[in-house]
Amino acid sequence: ALTTLKDVSHLAQHLETTVSKVNVTVDDINYKMDKLNE
């Protein structure tokens, strides 16, 4: 159970990093779409 919890903790950290990168990418795309719509 302890080993599984460590693995889940590492996966949660990787997931948080991935979600933050996706948020930056989506914000960049939204900014560019707004610039294209002007």
All heavy atoms as atom14 arrays in JSON, in Angstrom:
{
  "sequence": "ALTTLKDVSHLAQHLETTVSKVNVTVDDINYKMDKLNE",
  "atom14_mask": [
    [1, 1, 1, 1, 1, 0, 0, 0, 0, 0, 0, 0, 0, 0],
    [1, 1, 1, 1, 1, 1, 1, 1, 0, 0, 0, 0, 0, 0],
    [1, 1, 1, 1, 1, 1, 1, 0, 0, 0, 0, 0, 0, 0],
    [1, 1, 1, 1, 1, 1, 1, 0, 0, 0, 0, 0, 0, 0],
    [1, 1, 1, 1, 1, 1, 1, 1, 0, 0, 0, 0, 0, 0],
    [1, 1, 1, 1, 1, 1, 1, 1, 1, 0, 0, 0, 0, 0],
    [1, 1, 1, 1, 1, 1, 1, 1, 0, 0, 0, 0, 0, 0],
    [1, 1, 1, 1, 1, 1, 1, 0, 0, 0, 0, 0, 0, 0],
    [1, 1, 1, 1, 1, 1, 0, 0, 0, 0, 0, 0, 0, 0],
    [1, 1, 1, 1, 1, 1, 1, 1, 1, 1, 0, 0, 0, 0],
    [1, 1, 1, 1, 1, 1, 1, 1, 0, 0, 0, 0, 0, 0],
    [1, 1, 1, 1, 1, 0, 0, 0, 0, 0, 0, 0, 0, 0],
    [1, 1, 1, 1, 1, 1, 1, 1, 1, 0, 0, 0, 0, 0],
    [1, 1, 1, 1, 1, 1, 1, 1, 1, 1, 0, 0, 0, 0],
    [1, 1, 1, 1, 1, 1, 1, 1, 0, 0, 0, 0, 0, 0],
    [1, 1, 1, 1, 1, 1, 1, 1, 1, 0, 0, 0, 0, 0],
    [1, 1, 1, 1, 1, 1, 1, 0, 0, 0, 0, 0, 0, 0],
    [1, 1, 1, 1, 1, 1, 1, 0, 0, 0, 0, 0, 0, 0],
    [1, 1, 1, 1, 1, 1, 1, 0, 0, 0, 0, 0, 0, 0],
    [1, 1, 1, 1, 1, 1, 0, 0, 0, 0, 0, 0, 0, 0],
    [1, 1, 1, 1, 1, 1, 1, 1, 1, 0, 0, 0, 0, 0],
    [1, 1, 1, 1, 1, 1, 1, 0, 0, 0, 0, 0, 0, 0],
    [1, 1, 1, 1, 1, 1, 1, 1, 0, 0, 0, 0, 0, 0],
    [1, 1, 1, 1, 1, 1, 1, 0, 0, 0, 0, 0, 0, 0],
    [1, 1, 1, 1, 1, 1, 1, 0, 0, 0, 0, 0, 0, 0],
    [1, 1, 1, 1, 1, 1, 1, 0, 0, 0, 0, 0, 0, 0],
    [1, 1, 1, 1, 1, 1, 1, 1, 0, 0, 0, 0, 0, 0],
    [1, 1, 1, 1, 1, 1, 1, 1, 0, 0, 0, 0, 0, 0],
    [1, 1, 1, 1, 1, 1, 1, 1, 0, 0, 0, 0, 0, 0],
    [1, 1, 1, 1, 1, 1, 1, 1, 0, 0, 0, 0, 0, 0],
    [1, 1, 1, 1, 1, 1, 1, 1, 1, 1, 1, 1, 0, 0],
    [1, 1, 1, 1, 1, 1, 1, 1, 1, 0, 0, 0, 0, 0],
    [1, 1, 1, 1, 1, 1, 1, 1, 0, 0, 0, 0, 0, 0],
    [1, 1, 1, 1, 1, 1, 1, 1, 0, 0, 0, 0, 0, 0],
    [1, 1, 1, 1, 1, 1, 1, 1, 1, 0, 0, 0, 0, 0],
    [1, 1, 1, 1, 1, 1, 1, 1, 0, 0, 0, 0, 0, 0],
    [1, 1, 1, 1, 1, 1, 1, 1, 0, 0, 0, 0, 0, 0],
    [1, 1, 1, 1, 1, 1, 1, 1, 1, 0, 0, 0, 0, 0]
  ],
  "atom14_positions": [
    [[0.83, -1.2, 0.0], [0.0, 0.0, 0.0], [0.87, 1.25, 0.0], [0.56, 2.24, -0.69], [-0.93, -0.01, 1.21], [0.0, 0.0, 0.0], [0.0, 0.0, 0.0], [0.0, 0.0, 0.0], [0.0, 0.0, 0.0], [0.0, 0.0, 0.0], [0.0, 0.0, 0.0], [0.0, 0.0, 0.0], [0.0, 0.0, 0.0], [0.0, 0.0, 0.0]],
    [[1.97, 1.23, 0.76], [2.87, 2.38, 0.8], [3.52, 2.6, -0.56], [3.63, 3.74, -1.03], [3.94, 2.17, 1.87], [4.96, 3.28, 2.04], [4.29, 4.54, 2.54], [6.07, 2.85, 2.98], [0.0, 0.0, 0.0], [0.0, 0.0, 0.0], [0.0, 0.0, 0.0], [0.0, 0.0, 0.0], [0.0, 0.0, 0.0], [0.0, 0.0, 0.0]],
    [[3.93, 1.54, -1.23], [4.52, 1.66, -2.56], [3.51, 2.22, -3.55], [3.84, 3.08, -4.38], [5.01, 0.28, -3.04], [5.86, -0.28, -2.05], [5.76, 0.39, -4.34], [0.0, 0.0, 0.0], [0.0, 0.0, 0.0], [0.0, 0.0, 0.0], [0.0, 0.0, 0.0], [0.0, 0.0, 0.0], [0.0, 0.0, 0.0], [0.0, 0.0, 0.0]],
    [[2.28, 1.75, -3.45], [1.23, 2.25, -4.33], [0.97, 3.73, -4.09], [0.79, 4.51, -5.03], [-0.07, 1.44, -4.13], [0.22, 0.06, -4.34], [-1.15, 1.89, -5.08], [0.0, 0.0, 0.0], [0.0, 0.0, 0.0], [0.0, 0.0, 0.0], [0.0, 0.0, 0.0], [0.0, 0.0, 0.0], [0.0, 0.0, 0.0], [0.0, 0.0, 0.0]],
    [[0.95, 4.15, -2.83], [0.75, 5.57, -2.51], [1.89, 6.44, -3.04], [1.65, 7.55, -3.51], [0.59, 5.76, -1.0], [-0.73, 5.28, -0.42], [-0.71, 5.43, 1.1], [-1.88, 6.07, -1.0], [0.0, 0.0, 0.0], [0.0, 0.0, 0.0], [0.0, 0.0, 0.0], [0.0, 0.0, 0.0], [0.0, 0.0, 0.0], [0.0, 0.0, 0.0]],
    [[3.11, 5.93, -3.0], [4.24, 6.68, -3.57], [4.07, 6.84, -5.08], [4.3, 7.93, -5.63], [5.56, 5.97, -3.27], [6.07, 6.17, -1.87], [7.42, 5.47, -1.7], [7.92, 5.6, -0.3], [9.21, 4.89, -0.1], [0.0, 0.0, 0.0], [0.0, 0.0, 0.0], [0.0, 0.0, 0.0], [0.0, 0.0, 0.0], [0.0, 0.0, 0.0]],
    [[3.67, 5.76, -5.74], [3.45, 5.83, -7.19], [2.33, 6.82, -7.54], [2.45, 7.59, -8.49], [3.11, 4.45, -7.75], [4.3, 3.49, -7.7], [5.45, 3.98, -7.56], [4.06, 2.27, -7.78], [0.0, 0.0, 0.0], [0.0, 0.0, 0.0], [0.0, 0.0, 0.0], [0.0, 0.0, 0.0], [0.0, 0.0, 0.0], [0.0, 0.0, 0.0]],
    [[1.27, 6.8, -6.76], [0.16, 7.72, -7.0], [0.6, 9.15, -6.77], [0.22, 10.07, -7.51], [-1.05, 7.35, -6.1], [-2.09, 8.45, -6.1], [-1.66, 6.05, -6.56], [0.0, 0.0, 0.0], [0.0, 0.0, 0.0], [0.0, 0.0, 0.0], [0.0, 0.0, 0.0], [0.0, 0.0, 0.0], [0.0, 0.0, 0.0], [0.0, 0.0, 0.0]],
    [[1.44, 9.37, -5.78], [1.95, 10.72, -5.51], [2.79, 11.22, -6.68], [2.65, 12.38, -7.11], [2.78, 10.71, -4.23], [3.39, 11.96, -4.03], [0.0, 0.0, 0.0], [0.0, 0.0, 0.0], [0.0, 0.0, 0.0], [0.0, 0.0, 0.0], [0.0, 0.0, 0.0], [0.0, 0.0, 0.0], [0.0, 0.0, 0.0], [0.0, 0.0, 0.0]],
    [[3.65, 10.36, -7.22], [4.46, 10.76, -8.37], [3.58, 11.03, -9.59], [3.82, 11.99, -10.34], [5.5, 9.69, -8.7], [6.61, 9.59, -7.71], [7.52, 10.6, -7.5], [6.96, 8.61, -6.84], [8.38, 10.25, -6.56], [8.06, 9.03, -6.14], [0.0, 0.0, 0.0], [0.0, 0.0, 0.0], [0.0, 0.0, 0.0], [0.0, 0.0, 0.0]],
    [[2.57, 10.19, -9.8], [1.67, 10.41, -10.93], [0.89, 11.71, -10.77], [0.65, 12.43, -11.75], [0.7, 9.23, -11.06], [1.3, 7.95, -11.63], [0.27, 6.82, -11.57], [1.78, 8.15, -13.03], [0.0, 0.0, 0.0], [0.0, 0.0, 0.0], [0.0, 0.0, 0.0], [0.0, 0.0, 0.0], [0.0, 0.0, 0.0], [0.0, 0.0, 0.0]],
    [[0.5, 12.04, -9.54], [-0.22, 13.29, -9.3], [0.67, 14.5, -9.61], [0.2, 15.5, -10.15], [-0.73, 13.35, -7.87], [0.0, 0.0, 0.0], [0.0, 0.0, 0.0], [0.0, 0.0, 0.0], [0.0, 0.0, 0.0], [0.0, 0.0, 0.0], [0.0, 0.0, 0.0], [0.0, 0.0, 0.0], [0.0, 0.0, 0.0], [0.0, 0.0, 0.0]],
    [[1.94, 14.41, -9.26], [2.87, 15.51, -9.57], [3.03, 15.66, -11.08], [3.03, 16.78, -11.6], [4.23, 15.25, -8.92], [4.21, 15.41, -7.42], [5.54, 15.02, -6.79], [6.43, 14.5, -7.46], [5.66, 15.24, -5.49], [0.0, 0.0, 0.0], [0.0, 0.0, 0.0], [0.0, 0.0, 0.0], [0.0, 0.0, 0.0], [0.0, 0.0, 0.0]],
    [[3.16, 14.54, -11.79], [3.28, 14.61, -13.25], [1.99, 15.14, -13.88], [2.04, 15.91, -14.84], [3.61, 13.23, -13.83], [5.0, 12.77, -13.53], [6.12, 13.38, -14.06], [5.47, 11.76, -12.76], [7.2, 12.78, -13.63], [6.83, 11.78, -12.82], [0.0, 0.0, 0.0], [0.0, 0.0, 0.0], [0.0, 0.0, 0.0], [0.0, 0.0, 0.0]],
    [[0.87, 14.74, -13.32], [-0.42, 15.22, -13.83], [-0.55, 16.73, -13.61], [-1.02, 17.45, -14.5], [-1.56, 14.48, -13.13], [-2.97, 14.88, -13.54], [-3.21, 14.5, -15.0], [-3.98, 14.22, -12.64], [0.0, 0.0, 0.0], [0.0, 0.0, 0.0], [0.0, 0.0, 0.0], [0.0, 0.0, 0.0], [0.0, 0.0, 0.0], [0.0, 0.0, 0.0]],
    [[-0.12, 17.21, -12.47], [-0.19, 18.65, -12.19], [0.7, 19.44, -13.16], [0.28, 20.49, -13.68], [0.24, 18.92, -10.75], [0.09, 20.35, -10.32], [0.46, 20.54, -8.86], [0.38, 19.58, -8.09], [0.84, 21.67, -8.51], [0.0, 0.0, 0.0], [0.0, 0.0, 0.0], [0.0, 0.0, 0.0], [0.0, 0.0, 0.0], [0.0, 0.0, 0.0]],
    [[1.88, 18.92, -13.44], [2.77, 19.57, -14.4], [2.15, 19.58, -15.79], [2.17, 20.61, -16.48], [4.12, 18.83, -14.44], [4.67, 18.78, -13.13], [5.1, 19.51, -15.37], [0.0, 0.0, 0.0], [0.0, 0.0, 0.0], [0.0, 0.0, 0.0], [0.0, 0.0, 0.0], [0.0, 0.0, 0.0], [0.0, 0.0, 0.0], [0.0, 0.0, 0.0]],
    [[1.57, 18.47, -16.19], [0.94, 18.38, -17.51], [-0.24, 19.33, -17.62], [-0.41, 20.01, -18.64], [0.48, 16.93, -17.78], [1.61, 16.06, -17.65], [-0.1, 16.8, -19.17], [0.0, 0.0, 0.0], [0.0, 0.0, 0.0], [0.0, 0.0, 0.0], [0.0, 0.0, 0.0], [0.0, 0.0, 0.0], [0.0, 0.0, 0.0], [0.0, 0.0, 0.0]],
    [[-1.06, 19.4, -16.58], [-2.22, 20.29, -16.6], [-1.79, 21.75, -16.68], [-2.39, 22.56, -17.4], [-3.13, 20.04, -15.37], [-4.15, 21.13, -15.18], [-3.82, 18.7, -15.52], [0.0, 0.0, 0.0], [0.0, 0.0, 0.0], [0.0, 0.0, 0.0], [0.0, 0.0, 0.0], [0.0, 0.0, 0.0], [0.0, 0.0, 0.0], [0.0, 0.0, 0.0]],
    [[-0.72, 22.13, -15.98], [-0.25, 23.51, -16.05], [0.28, 23.83, -17.44], [0.05, 24.92, -17.96], [0.81, 23.77, -14.98], [1.97, 23.02, -15.25], [0.0, 0.0, 0.0], [0.0, 0.0, 0.0], [0.0, 0.0, 0.0], [0.0, 0.0, 0.0], [0.0, 0.0, 0.0], [0.0, 0.0, 0.0], [0.0, 0.0, 0.0], [0.0, 0.0, 0.0]],
    [[0.96, 22.87, -18.08], [1.44, 23.09, -19.46], [0.26, 23.22, -20.42], [0.29, 24.06, -21.33], [2.35, 21.95, -19.89], [3.71, 21.97, -19.22], [4.57, 20.81, -19.68], [5.92, 20.8, -18.99], [6.75, 19.66, -19.42], [0.0, 0.0, 0.0], [0.0, 0.0, 0.0], [0.0, 0.0, 0.0], [0.0, 0.0, 0.0], [0.0, 0.0, 0.0]],
    [[-0.76, 22.41, -20.23], [-1.94, 22.49, -21.09], [-2.65, 23.83, -20.89], [-3.11, 24.44, -21.86], [-2.9, 21.3, -20.81], [-4.25, 21.52, -21.45], [-2.28, 20.01, -21.32], [0.0, 0.0, 0.0], [0.0, 0.0, 0.0], [0.0, 0.0, 0.0], [0.0, 0.0, 0.0], [0.0, 0.0, 0.0], [0.0, 0.0, 0.0], [0.0, 0.0, 0.0]],
    [[-2.72, 24.31, -19.66], [-3.35, 25.61, -19.4], [-2.61, 26.73, -20.1], [-3.23, 27.64, -20.67], [-3.43, 25.88, -17.9], [-4.56, 25.13, -17.24], [-5.53, 24.76, -17.89], [-4.43, 24.92, -15.95], [0.0, 0.0, 0.0], [0.0, 0.0, 0.0], [0.0, 0.0, 0.0], [0.0, 0.0, 0.0], [0.0, 0.0, 0.0], [0.0, 0.0, 0.0]],
    [[-1.28, 26.68, -20.08], [-0.49, 27.7, -20.77], [-0.74, 27.63, -22.27], [-0.91, 28.66, -22.93], [1.02, 27.52, -20.44], [1.88, 28.36, -21.34], [1.29, 27.86, -18.98], [0.0, 0.0, 0.0], [0.0, 0.0, 0.0], [0.0, 0.0, 0.0], [0.0, 0.0, 0.0], [0.0, 0.0, 0.0], [0.0, 0.0, 0.0], [0.0, 0.0, 0.0]],
    [[-0.79, 26.43, -22.81], [-1.03, 26.26, -24.24], [-2.42, 26.77, -24.63], [-2.58, 27.47, -25.64], [-0.88, 24.78, -24.63], [0.41, 24.33, -24.23], [-1.06, 24.59, -26.12], [0.0, 0.0, 0.0], [0.0, 0.0, 0.0], [0.0, 0.0, 0.0], [0.0, 0.0, 0.0], [0.0, 0.0, 0.0], [0.0, 0.0, 0.0], [0.0, 0.0, 0.0]],
    [[-3.44, 26.44, -23.83], [-4.8, 26.89, -24.13], [-4.89, 28.41, -24.02], [-5.54, 29.06, -24.87], [-5.81, 26.19, -23.19], [-7.17, 26.85, -23.27], [-5.92, 24.72, -23.55], [0.0, 0.0, 0.0], [0.0, 0.0, 0.0], [0.0, 0.0, 0.0], [0.0, 0.0, 0.0], [0.0, 0.0, 0.0], [0.0, 0.0, 0.0], [0.0, 0.0, 0.0]],
    [[-4.24, 29.0, -23.03], [-4.24, 30.46, -22.92], [-3.58, 31.11, -24.13], [-4.05, 32.12, -24.65], [-3.53, 30.91, -21.63], [-4.34, 30.6, -20.39], [-5.57, 30.39, -20.51], [-3.74, 30.58, -19.3], [0.0, 0.0, 0.0], [0.0, 0.0, 0.0], [0.0, 0.0, 0.0], [0.0, 0.0, 0.0], [0.0, 0.0, 0.0], [0.0, 0.0, 0.0]],
    [[-2.48, 30.51, -24.6], [-1.79, 31.03, -25.77], [-2.67, 30.92, -27.02], [-2.75, 31.85, -27.82], [-0.48, 30.25, -25.98], [0.38, 30.87, -27.06], [0.46, 32.11, -27.11], [0.99, 30.11, -27.84], [0.0, 0.0, 0.0], [0.0, 0.0, 0.0], [0.0, 0.0, 0.0], [0.0, 0.0, 0.0], [0.0, 0.0, 0.0], [0.0, 0.0, 0.0]],
    [[-3.36, 29.8, -27.16], [-4.25, 29.63, -28.31], [-5.4, 30.62, -28.25], [-5.77, 31.23, -29.26], [-4.78, 28.18, -28.38], [-3.64, 27.25, -28.77], [-5.94, 28.06, -29.35], [-3.98, 25.79, -28.68], [0.0, 0.0, 0.0], [0.0, 0.0, 0.0], [0.0, 0.0, 0.0], [0.0, 0.0, 0.0], [0.0, 0.0, 0.0], [0.0, 0.0, 0.0]],
    [[-5.98, 30.83, -27.06], [-7.07, 31.8, -26.92], [-6.59, 33.21, -27.26], [-7.31, 33.98, -27.91], [-7.64, 31.77, -25.5], [-8.52, 30.57, -25.28], [-9.07, 30.01, -26.21], [-8.65, 30.17, -24.03], [0.0, 0.0, 0.0], [0.0, 0.0, 0.0], [0.0, 0.0, 0.0], [0.0, 0.0, 0.0], [0.0, 0.0, 0.0], [0.0, 0.0, 0.0]],
    [[-5.39, 33.56, -26.82], [-4.83, 34.88, -27.12], [-4.67, 35.06, -28.63], [-5.04, 36.08, -29.2], [-3.5, 35.06, -26.4], [-2.79, 36.33, -26.75], [-3.21, 37.54, -26.23], [-1.68, 36.32, -27.59], [-2.56, 38.72, -26.54], [-1.02, 37.48, -27.91], [-1.47, 38.68, -27.38], [-0.81, 39.84, -27.71], [0.0, 0.0, 0.0], [0.0, 0.0, 0.0]],
    [[-4.13, 34.03, -29.28], [-3.91, 34.11, -30.73], [-5.24, 34.15, -31.49], [-5.37, 34.86, -32.48], [-3.06, 32.95, -31.21], [-1.61, 33.09, -30.76], [-0.74, 31.94, -31.19], [0.67, 32.14, -30.68], [1.53, 31.03, -30.99], [0.0, 0.0, 0.0], [0.0, 0.0, 0.0], [0.0, 0.0, 0.0], [0.0, 0.0, 0.0], [0.0, 0.0, 0.0]],
    [[-6.24, 33.4, -31.01], [-7.55, 33.45, -31.66], [-8.19, 34.83, -31.5], [-8.83, 35.33, -32.42], [-8.47, 32.38, -31.07], [-8.07, 30.96, -31.43], [-8.09, 30.64, -33.19], [-9.83, 30.69, -33.5], [0.0, 0.0, 0.0], [0.0, 0.0, 0.0], [0.0, 0.0, 0.0], [0.0, 0.0, 0.0], [0.0, 0.0, 0.0], [0.0, 0.0, 0.0]],
    [[-8.01, 35.44, -30.33], [-8.53, 36.8, -30.14], [-7.84, 37.77, -31.08], [-8.48, 38.67, -31.64], [-8.34, 37.25, -28.69], [-9.28, 36.54, -27.74], [-10.3, 36.0, -28.21], [-8.99, 36.52, -26.52], [0.0, 0.0, 0.0], [0.0, 0.0, 0.0], [0.0, 0.0, 0.0], [0.0, 0.0, 0.0], [0.0, 0.0, 0.0], [0.0, 0.0, 0.0]],
    [[-6.53, 37.61, -31.27], [-5.8, 38.48, -32.18], [-6.24, 38.25, -33.63], [-6.29, 39.19, -34.42], [-4.28, 38.24, -32.06], [-3.7, 38.78, -30.79], [-3.85, 40.28, -30.77], [-3.25, 40.85, -29.51], [-3.47, 42.27, -29.39], [0.0, 0.0, 0.0], [0.0, 0.0, 0.0], [0.0, 0.0, 0.0], [0.0, 0.0, 0.0], [0.0, 0.0, 0.0]],
    [[-6.56, 37.02, -33.99], [-7.04, 36.74, -35.34], [-8.46, 37.28, -35.55], [-8.82, 37.65, -36.67], [-7.03, 35.23, -35.61], [-5.67, 34.61, -35.87], [-5.8, 33.1, -35.96], [-5.05, 35.16, -37.13], [0.0, 0.0, 0.0], [0.0, 0.0, 0.0], [0.0, 0.0, 0.0], [0.0, 0.0, 0.0], [0.0, 0.0, 0.0], [0.0, 0.0, 0.0]],
    [[-9.27, 37.33, -34.5], [-10.65, 37.79, -34.63], [-10.76, 39.3, -34.71], [-11.78, 39.81, -35.18], [-11.49, 37.27, -33.47], [-11.9, 35.84, -33.66], [-11.95, 35.34, -34.77], [-12.19, 35.16, -32.57], [0.0, 0.0, 0.0], [0.0, 0.0, 0.0], [0.0, 0.0, 0.0], [0.0, 0.0, 0.0], [0.0, 0.0, 0.0], [0.0, 0.0, 0.0]],
    [[-9.76, 40.03, -34.24], [-9.85, 41.49, -34.25], [-10.04, 42.06, -35.66], [-10.94, 42.87, -35.88], [-8.62, 42.1, -33.59], [-8.64, 41.97, -32.08], [-7.39, 42.54, -31.43], [-6.58, 43.18, -32.13], [-7.25, 42.34, -30.22], [0.0, 0.0, 0.0], [0.0, 0.0, 0.0], [0.0, 0.0, 0.0], [0.0, 0.0, 0.0], [0.0, 0.0, 0.0]]
  ]
}
